[in-house]
Amino acid sequence: MKHEFTQSHVALHVMVSRISASSLPSAIRKNSFIINDIPPDLQAHTDENMLAAVFGSLLNTVITHTENCCIRISAQQHGRVVLLQLKETSRINSHAFADNLRQVQKLAEKIGGTVSISNNSTEAGTIVFSFVNNSSLAA
């Protein structure tokens, strides 16, 4: 059975702020903080609930596997592709983190997205969630 998703215009900055605020108590317990660097005018054109679920899962995974760090969230659009990035300044436990990311990747694929990670072995990592904007809504 194919899932039907509701396409909508999503203000990324607002969505990220809302999810970050709900995740803040967990971040504070881990002596971490969150910065939302997404441009206020950047819009995504996809299923808002699925997008929020993927982003929320990514953010919670980063918070769970880091301590004493800054989690900086940014986004860029390149043509029809949006890159939503979470950069952290702590060392992530790669094995446990990768296990959690597999579940998030399955969720991201439901809206045509992908999750990737690059990790500087000394101190920082970047998680990128990329997805295609729906061109019929972007017009």
N, C-alpha and C. Protein backbone atom coordinates (compact mmCIF):
# COMPACT_ATOMS: atom_id res chain seq x y z
N MET A 1 0.84 -1.17 0.00
CA MET A 1 0.00 0.00 0.00
C MET A 1 0.89 1.24 0.00
N LYS A 2 0.67 2.12 -0.94
CA LYS A 2 1.46 3.33 -1.06
C LYS A 2 0.89 4.40 -0.15
N HIS A 3 1.78 5.09 0.58
CA HIS A 3 1.36 6.18 1.45
C HIS A 3 1.15 7.44 0.63
N GLU A 4 0.09 8.15 0.91
CA GLU A 4 -0.14 9.45 0.29
C GLU A 4 0.25 10.53 1.30
N PHE A 5 1.11 11.42 0.90
CA PHE A 5 1.56 12.48 1.78
C PHE A 5 0.95 13.80 1.35
N THR A 6 0.71 14.65 2.31
CA THR A 6 0.16 15.96 2.04
C THR A 6 1.31 16.92 1.79
N GLN A 7 1.39 17.42 0.57
CA GLN A 7 2.43 18.38 0.22
C GLN A 7 2.02 19.76 0.72
N SER A 8 2.96 20.49 1.29
CA SER A 8 2.67 21.84 1.76
C SER A 8 3.95 22.68 1.74
N HIS A 9 3.76 23.98 1.88
CA HIS A 9 4.90 24.89 2.01
C HIS A 9 5.31 24.87 3.48
N VAL A 10 6.57 24.62 3.73
CA VAL A 10 7.07 24.52 5.09
C VAL A 10 8.16 25.57 5.30
N ALA A 11 7.94 26.47 6.25
CA ALA A 11 8.98 27.43 6.61
C ALA A 11 10.00 26.68 7.48
N LEU A 12 11.15 26.37 6.90
CA LEU A 12 12.14 25.54 7.59
C LEU A 12 12.61 26.15 8.90
N HIS A 13 12.86 27.45 8.92
CA HIS A 13 13.34 28.09 10.14
C HIS A 13 12.34 27.90 11.29
N VAL A 14 11.07 28.09 10.99
CA VAL A 14 10.02 27.96 12.01
C VAL A 14 9.91 26.51 12.48
N MET A 15 9.91 25.56 11.55
CA MET A 15 9.82 24.16 11.92
C MET A 15 11.00 23.74 12.79
N VAL A 16 12.21 24.13 12.39
CA VAL A 16 13.41 23.78 13.16
C VAL A 16 13.38 24.44 14.53
N SER A 17 12.93 25.67 14.62
CA SER A 17 12.83 26.35 15.92
C SER A 17 11.87 25.61 16.85
N ARG A 18 10.74 25.20 16.32
CA ARG A 18 9.75 24.48 17.12
C ARG A 18 10.30 23.15 17.65
N ILE A 19 10.92 22.40 16.77
CA ILE A 19 11.47 21.09 17.18
C ILE A 19 12.67 21.28 18.11
N SER A 20 13.51 22.27 17.83
CA SER A 20 14.67 22.54 18.70
C SER A 20 14.21 22.92 20.10
N ALA A 21 13.15 23.73 20.19
CA ALA A 21 12.64 24.13 21.51
C ALA A 21 12.16 22.92 22.29
N SER A 22 11.51 21.97 21.62
CA SER A 22 11.03 20.79 22.34
C SER A 22 12.18 19.86 22.72
N SER A 23 13.30 19.94 22.00
CA SER A 23 14.47 19.10 22.30
C SER A 23 15.45 19.77 23.26
N LEU A 24 15.22 21.04 23.56
CA LEU A 24 16.16 21.79 24.39
C LEU A 24 16.39 21.18 25.78
N PRO A 25 15.36 20.71 26.48
CA PRO A 25 15.63 20.10 27.80
C PRO A 25 16.63 18.93 27.72
N SER A 26 16.52 18.10 26.69
CA SER A 26 17.47 16.99 26.52
C SER A 26 18.87 17.52 26.25
N ALA A 27 18.96 18.55 25.41
CA ALA A 27 20.27 19.13 25.09
C ALA A 27 20.90 19.73 26.34
N ILE A 28 20.10 20.42 27.15
CA ILE A 28 20.62 21.05 28.37
C ILE A 28 21.15 19.99 29.33
N ARG A 29 20.44 18.86 29.45
CA ARG A 29 20.92 17.77 30.32
C ARG A 29 22.27 17.24 29.86
N LYS A 30 22.57 17.38 28.58
CA LYS A 30 23.85 16.92 28.04
C LYS A 30 24.85 18.08 27.90
N ASN A 31 24.54 19.22 28.56
CA ASN A 31 25.39 20.41 28.49
C ASN A 31 25.66 20.86 27.06
N SER A 32 24.65 20.78 26.22
CA SER A 32 24.77 21.18 24.83
C SER A 32 23.77 22.29 24.53
N PHE A 33 23.97 22.95 23.41
CA PHE A 33 23.02 23.96 22.98
C PHE A 33 22.82 23.87 21.47
N ILE A 34 21.73 24.49 21.00
CA ILE A 34 21.31 24.38 19.61
C ILE A 34 21.22 25.78 19.00
N ILE A 35 21.78 25.95 17.81
CA ILE A 35 21.69 27.21 17.08
C ILE A 35 20.98 26.96 15.75
N ASN A 36 19.96 27.75 15.48
CA ASN A 36 19.21 27.65 14.23
C ASN A 36 19.72 28.74 13.28
N ASP A 37 20.53 28.34 12.28
CA ASP A 37 21.08 29.28 11.30
C ASP A 37 20.36 29.21 9.96
N ILE A 38 19.15 28.68 9.94
CA ILE A 38 18.41 28.56 8.68
C ILE A 38 17.84 29.93 8.31
N PRO A 39 18.01 30.34 7.06
CA PRO A 39 17.44 31.63 6.63
C PRO A 39 15.92 31.64 6.84
N PRO A 40 15.37 32.71 7.38
CA PRO A 40 13.94 32.77 7.68
C PRO A 40 13.04 32.61 6.46
N ASP A 41 13.53 32.92 5.28
CA ASP A 41 12.68 32.85 4.09
C ASP A 41 12.78 31.53 3.32
N LEU A 42 13.59 30.59 3.78
CA LEU A 42 13.76 29.32 3.07
C LEU A 42 12.55 28.42 3.28
N GLN A 43 11.92 28.04 2.19
CA GLN A 43 10.72 27.21 2.23
C GLN A 43 11.02 25.84 1.64
N ALA A 44 10.46 24.81 2.25
CA ALA A 44 10.50 23.47 1.68
C ALA A 44 9.09 23.18 1.16
N HIS A 45 9.01 22.36 0.16
CA HIS A 45 7.73 22.03 -0.45
C HIS A 45 7.58 20.51 -0.44
N THR A 46 7.15 20.02 0.70
CA THR A 46 7.06 18.58 0.91
C THR A 46 6.08 18.31 2.04
N ASP A 47 5.98 17.08 2.46
CA ASP A 47 5.09 16.72 3.56
C ASP A 47 5.70 17.21 4.88
N GLU A 48 5.03 18.16 5.51
CA GLU A 48 5.57 18.78 6.72
C GLU A 48 5.72 17.78 7.86
N ASN A 49 4.76 16.89 8.03
CA ASN A 49 4.83 15.92 9.14
C ASN A 49 6.00 14.97 8.96
N MET A 50 6.23 14.49 7.74
CA MET A 50 7.35 13.59 7.50
C MET A 50 8.68 14.34 7.65
N LEU A 51 8.74 15.55 7.14
CA LEU A 51 9.95 16.36 7.26
C LEU A 51 10.28 16.60 8.73
N ALA A 52 9.27 16.95 9.51
CA ALA A 52 9.48 17.18 10.95
C ALA A 52 9.90 15.90 11.65
N ALA A 53 9.33 14.77 11.25
CA ALA A 53 9.71 13.49 11.87
C ALA A 53 11.16 13.15 11.59
N VAL A 54 11.60 13.36 10.35
CA VAL A 54 13.00 13.06 10.00
C VAL A 54 13.93 14.00 10.75
N PHE A 55 13.65 15.30 10.68
CA PHE A 55 14.53 16.26 11.35
C PHE A 55 14.56 16.02 12.86
N GLY A 56 13.39 15.82 13.47
CA GLY A 56 13.33 15.57 14.90
C GLY A 56 14.13 14.34 15.30
N SER A 57 14.03 13.29 14.49
CA SER A 57 14.81 12.07 14.77
C SER A 57 16.30 12.32 14.65
N LEU A 58 16.71 13.09 13.64
CA LEU A 58 18.13 13.41 13.49
C LEU A 58 18.64 14.22 14.67
N LEU A 59 17.88 15.25 15.04
CA LEU A 59 18.30 16.09 16.15
C LEU A 59 18.38 15.29 17.45
N ASN A 60 17.39 14.48 17.72
CA ASN A 60 17.42 13.67 18.94
C ASN A 60 18.56 12.67 18.93
N THR A 61 18.89 12.13 17.77
CA THR A 61 20.02 11.20 17.66
C THR A 61 21.32 11.92 17.97
N VAL A 62 21.49 13.12 17.43
CA VAL A 62 22.71 13.89 17.71
C VAL A 62 22.79 14.22 19.20
N ILE A 63 21.69 14.68 19.79
CA ILE A 63 21.69 15.02 21.22
C ILE A 63 22.03 13.80 22.06
N THR A 64 21.45 12.67 21.73
CA THR A 64 21.68 11.44 22.49
C THR A 64 23.14 11.01 22.47
N HIS A 65 23.83 11.23 21.35
CA HIS A 65 25.18 10.70 21.18
C HIS A 65 26.28 11.74 21.32
N THR A 66 25.94 12.91 21.87
CA THR A 66 26.97 13.93 22.09
C THR A 66 26.82 14.52 23.49
N GLU A 67 27.84 15.21 23.92
CA GLU A 67 27.82 15.94 25.19
C GLU A 67 28.68 17.18 25.04
N ASN A 68 28.33 18.21 25.80
CA ASN A 68 29.13 19.45 25.83
C ASN A 68 29.40 19.98 24.42
N CYS A 69 28.35 20.13 23.63
CA CYS A 69 28.61 20.57 22.26
C CYS A 69 27.60 21.59 21.78
N CYS A 70 27.98 22.23 20.71
CA CYS A 70 27.12 23.15 19.98
C CYS A 70 26.58 22.39 18.78
N ILE A 71 25.26 22.38 18.63
CA ILE A 71 24.63 21.76 17.47
C ILE A 71 24.11 22.92 16.60
N ARG A 72 24.76 23.12 15.47
CA ARG A 72 24.41 24.24 14.58
C ARG A 72 23.64 23.67 13.39
N ILE A 73 22.44 24.22 13.19
CA ILE A 73 21.55 23.73 12.13
C ILE A 73 21.49 24.79 11.03
N SER A 74 21.74 24.36 9.81
CA SER A 74 21.69 25.28 8.67
C SER A 74 21.01 24.57 7.50
N ALA A 75 20.66 25.34 6.49
CA ALA A 75 20.04 24.76 5.30
C ALA A 75 20.39 25.61 4.10
N GLN A 76 20.47 24.94 2.97
CA GLN A 76 20.73 25.61 1.70
C GLN A 76 19.89 24.94 0.64
N GLN A 77 19.54 25.72 -0.37
CA GLN A 77 18.84 25.13 -1.50
C GLN A 77 19.72 25.24 -2.72
N HIS A 78 19.88 24.14 -3.44
CA HIS A 78 20.65 24.09 -4.68
C HIS A 78 19.71 23.55 -5.74
N GLY A 79 19.17 24.45 -6.56
CA GLY A 79 18.17 24.03 -7.54
C GLY A 79 16.93 23.53 -6.81
N ARG A 80 16.54 22.30 -7.06
CA ARG A 80 15.37 21.72 -6.39
C ARG A 80 15.74 20.92 -5.14
N VAL A 81 17.01 20.86 -4.81
CA VAL A 81 17.46 20.05 -3.67
C VAL A 81 17.72 20.95 -2.46
N VAL A 82 17.17 20.55 -1.32
CA VAL A 82 17.42 21.24 -0.05
C VAL A 82 18.37 20.38 0.77
N LEU A 83 19.39 21.01 1.32
CA LEU A 83 20.33 20.35 2.22
C LEU A 83 20.11 20.91 3.61
N LEU A 84 19.65 20.08 4.51
CA LEU A 84 19.45 20.46 5.90
C LEU A 84 20.60 19.84 6.68
N GLN A 85 21.45 20.68 7.29
CA GLN A 85 22.68 20.21 7.92
C GLN A 85 22.65 20.41 9.43
N LEU A 86 23.13 19.41 10.14
CA LEU A 86 23.34 19.50 11.59
C LEU A 86 24.83 19.30 11.82
N LYS A 87 25.50 20.33 12.31
CA LYS A 87 26.92 20.23 12.61
C LYS A 87 27.07 20.22 14.12
N GLU A 88 27.88 19.29 14.60
CA GLU A 88 28.11 19.20 16.04
C GLU A 88 29.60 19.30 16.32
N THR A 89 29.93 19.79 17.51
CA THR A 89 31.33 20.04 17.85
C THR A 89 31.91 19.01 18.81
N SER A 90 31.23 17.90 18.95
CA SER A 90 31.66 16.86 19.86
C SER A 90 32.03 15.62 19.06
N ARG A 91 32.63 14.66 19.69
CA ARG A 91 32.93 13.40 19.01
C ARG A 91 31.76 12.45 19.19
N ILE A 92 31.19 12.01 18.09
CA ILE A 92 30.06 11.09 18.11
C ILE A 92 30.58 9.66 18.18
N ASN A 93 29.89 8.83 18.97
CA ASN A 93 30.17 7.40 18.98
C ASN A 93 29.67 6.85 17.65
N SER A 94 30.57 6.63 16.72
CA SER A 94 30.20 6.31 15.34
C SER A 94 29.33 5.06 15.20
N HIS A 95 29.63 3.99 15.93
CA HIS A 95 28.88 2.75 15.77
C HIS A 95 27.44 2.89 16.23
N ALA A 96 27.24 3.38 17.42
CA ALA A 96 25.88 3.54 17.94
C ALA A 96 25.11 4.58 17.14
N PHE A 97 25.78 5.64 16.77
CA PHE A 97 25.15 6.69 15.99
C PHE A 97 24.71 6.15 14.62
N ALA A 98 25.56 5.37 13.98
CA ALA A 98 25.24 4.79 12.67
C ALA A 98 24.02 3.87 12.76
N ASP A 99 23.91 3.12 13.84
CA ASP A 99 22.73 2.26 14.02
C ASP A 99 21.45 3.08 14.07
N ASN A 100 21.48 4.17 14.80
CA ASN A 100 20.30 5.04 14.88
C ASN A 100 20.00 5.71 13.54
N LEU A 101 21.04 6.08 12.81
CA LEU A 101 20.84 6.75 11.52
C LEU A 101 20.18 5.83 10.49
N ARG A 102 20.40 4.54 10.60
CA ARG A 102 19.75 3.61 9.66
C ARG A 102 18.23 3.72 9.74
N GLN A 103 17.71 3.86 10.94
CA GLN A 103 16.26 4.01 11.11
C GLN A 103 15.78 5.35 10.54
N VAL A 104 16.55 6.40 10.76
CA VAL A 104 16.19 7.72 10.24
C VAL A 104 16.24 7.70 8.71
N GLN A 105 17.22 7.00 8.14
CA GLN A 105 17.35 6.92 6.69
C GLN A 105 16.09 6.30 6.08
N LYS A 106 15.55 5.27 6.69
CA LYS A 106 14.32 4.64 6.19
C LYS A 106 13.17 5.64 6.16
N LEU A 107 13.09 6.45 7.19
CA LEU A 107 12.05 7.48 7.26
C LEU A 107 12.28 8.55 6.19
N ALA A 108 13.53 8.97 6.02
CA ALA A 108 13.87 9.99 5.02
C ALA A 108 13.52 9.52 3.60
N GLU A 109 13.73 8.26 3.34
CA GLU A 109 13.45 7.72 2.01
C GLU A 109 11.96 7.81 1.64
N LYS A 110 11.11 7.84 2.64
CA LYS A 110 9.67 7.93 2.37
C LYS A 110 9.28 9.24 1.69
N ILE A 111 10.11 10.29 1.86
CA ILE A 111 9.83 11.54 1.15
C ILE A 111 10.90 11.81 0.09
N GLY A 112 11.59 10.76 -0.32
CA GLY A 112 12.59 10.90 -1.38
C GLY A 112 13.88 11.52 -0.91
N GLY A 113 14.16 11.45 0.38
CA GLY A 113 15.36 12.06 0.94
C GLY A 113 16.45 11.05 1.23
N THR A 114 17.58 11.58 1.63
CA THR A 114 18.70 10.74 2.02
C THR A 114 19.44 11.41 3.18
N VAL A 115 20.09 10.60 4.00
CA VAL A 115 20.85 11.10 5.14
C VAL A 115 22.30 10.65 4.96
N SER A 116 23.22 11.58 5.14
CA SER A 116 24.64 11.22 5.07
C SER A 116 25.36 11.88 6.24
N ILE A 117 26.53 11.35 6.53
CA ILE A 117 27.33 11.88 7.64
C ILE A 117 28.78 11.99 7.21
N SER A 118 29.40 13.07 7.63
CA SER A 118 30.85 13.19 7.49
C SER A 118 31.37 13.50 8.88
N ASN A 119 32.44 12.86 9.24
CA ASN A 119 32.94 12.99 10.59
C ASN A 119 34.43 13.30 10.57
N ASN A 120 34.78 14.43 11.13
CA ASN A 120 36.18 14.79 11.32
C ASN A 120 36.65 13.97 12.52
N SER A 121 37.63 13.13 12.35
CA SER A 121 38.04 12.21 13.40
C SER A 121 38.51 12.89 14.67
N THR A 122 38.82 14.17 14.60
CA THR A 122 39.32 14.83 15.79
C THR A 122 38.25 15.50 16.62
N GLU A 123 37.27 16.18 15.98
CA GLU A 123 36.36 16.90 16.85
C GLU A 123 34.97 17.23 16.32
N ALA A 124 34.64 17.07 15.06
CA ALA A 124 33.34 17.53 14.59
C ALA A 124 32.73 16.58 13.58
N GLY A 125 31.42 16.67 13.46
CA GLY A 125 30.71 15.87 12.48
C GLY A 125 29.58 16.68 11.86
N THR A 126 29.20 16.31 10.66
CA THR A 126 28.11 16.96 9.97
C THR A 126 27.16 15.90 9.45
N ILE A 127 25.89 16.06 9.77
CA ILE A 127 24.85 15.17 9.28
C ILE A 127 24.05 15.98 8.28
N VAL A 128 23.86 15.46 7.08
CA VAL A 128 23.13 16.16 6.03
C VAL A 128 21.91 15.35 5.64
N PHE A 129 20.76 15.99 5.72
CA PHE A 129 19.51 15.41 5.23
C PHE A 129 19.17 16.17 3.97
N SER A 130 19.20 15.50 2.83
CA SER A 130 18.89 16.16 1.57
C SER A 130 17.58 15.60 1.02
N PHE A 131 16.80 16.48 0.41
CA PHE A 131 15.54 16.06 -0.20
C PHE A 131 15.20 17.02 -1.33
N VAL A 132 14.35 16.55 -2.24
CA VAL A 132 13.95 17.34 -3.39
C VAL A 132 12.65 18.06 -3.08
N ASN A 133 12.64 19.37 -3.37
CA ASN A 133 11.39 20.12 -3.25
C ASN A 133 10.44 19.68 -4.34
N ASN A 134 9.18 19.65 -4.03
CA ASN A 134 8.16 19.30 -5.01
C ASN A 134 8.02 20.47 -5.97
N SER A 135 8.36 20.27 -7.23
CA SER A 135 8.38 21.38 -8.19
C SER A 135 7.01 21.99 -8.45
N SER A 136 5.94 21.21 -8.32
CA SER A 136 4.63 21.78 -8.58
C SER A 136 4.23 22.77 -7.48
N LEU A 137 4.73 22.57 -6.27
CA LEU A 137 4.44 23.51 -5.20
C LEU A 137 5.42 24.67 -5.18
N ALA A 138 6.61 24.44 -5.68
CA ALA A 138 7.63 25.48 -5.64
C ALA A 138 7.32 26.62 -6.63
N ALA A 139 6.53 26.34 -7.63
CA ALA A 139 6.22 27.35 -8.64
C ALA A 139 5.28 28.41 -8.12
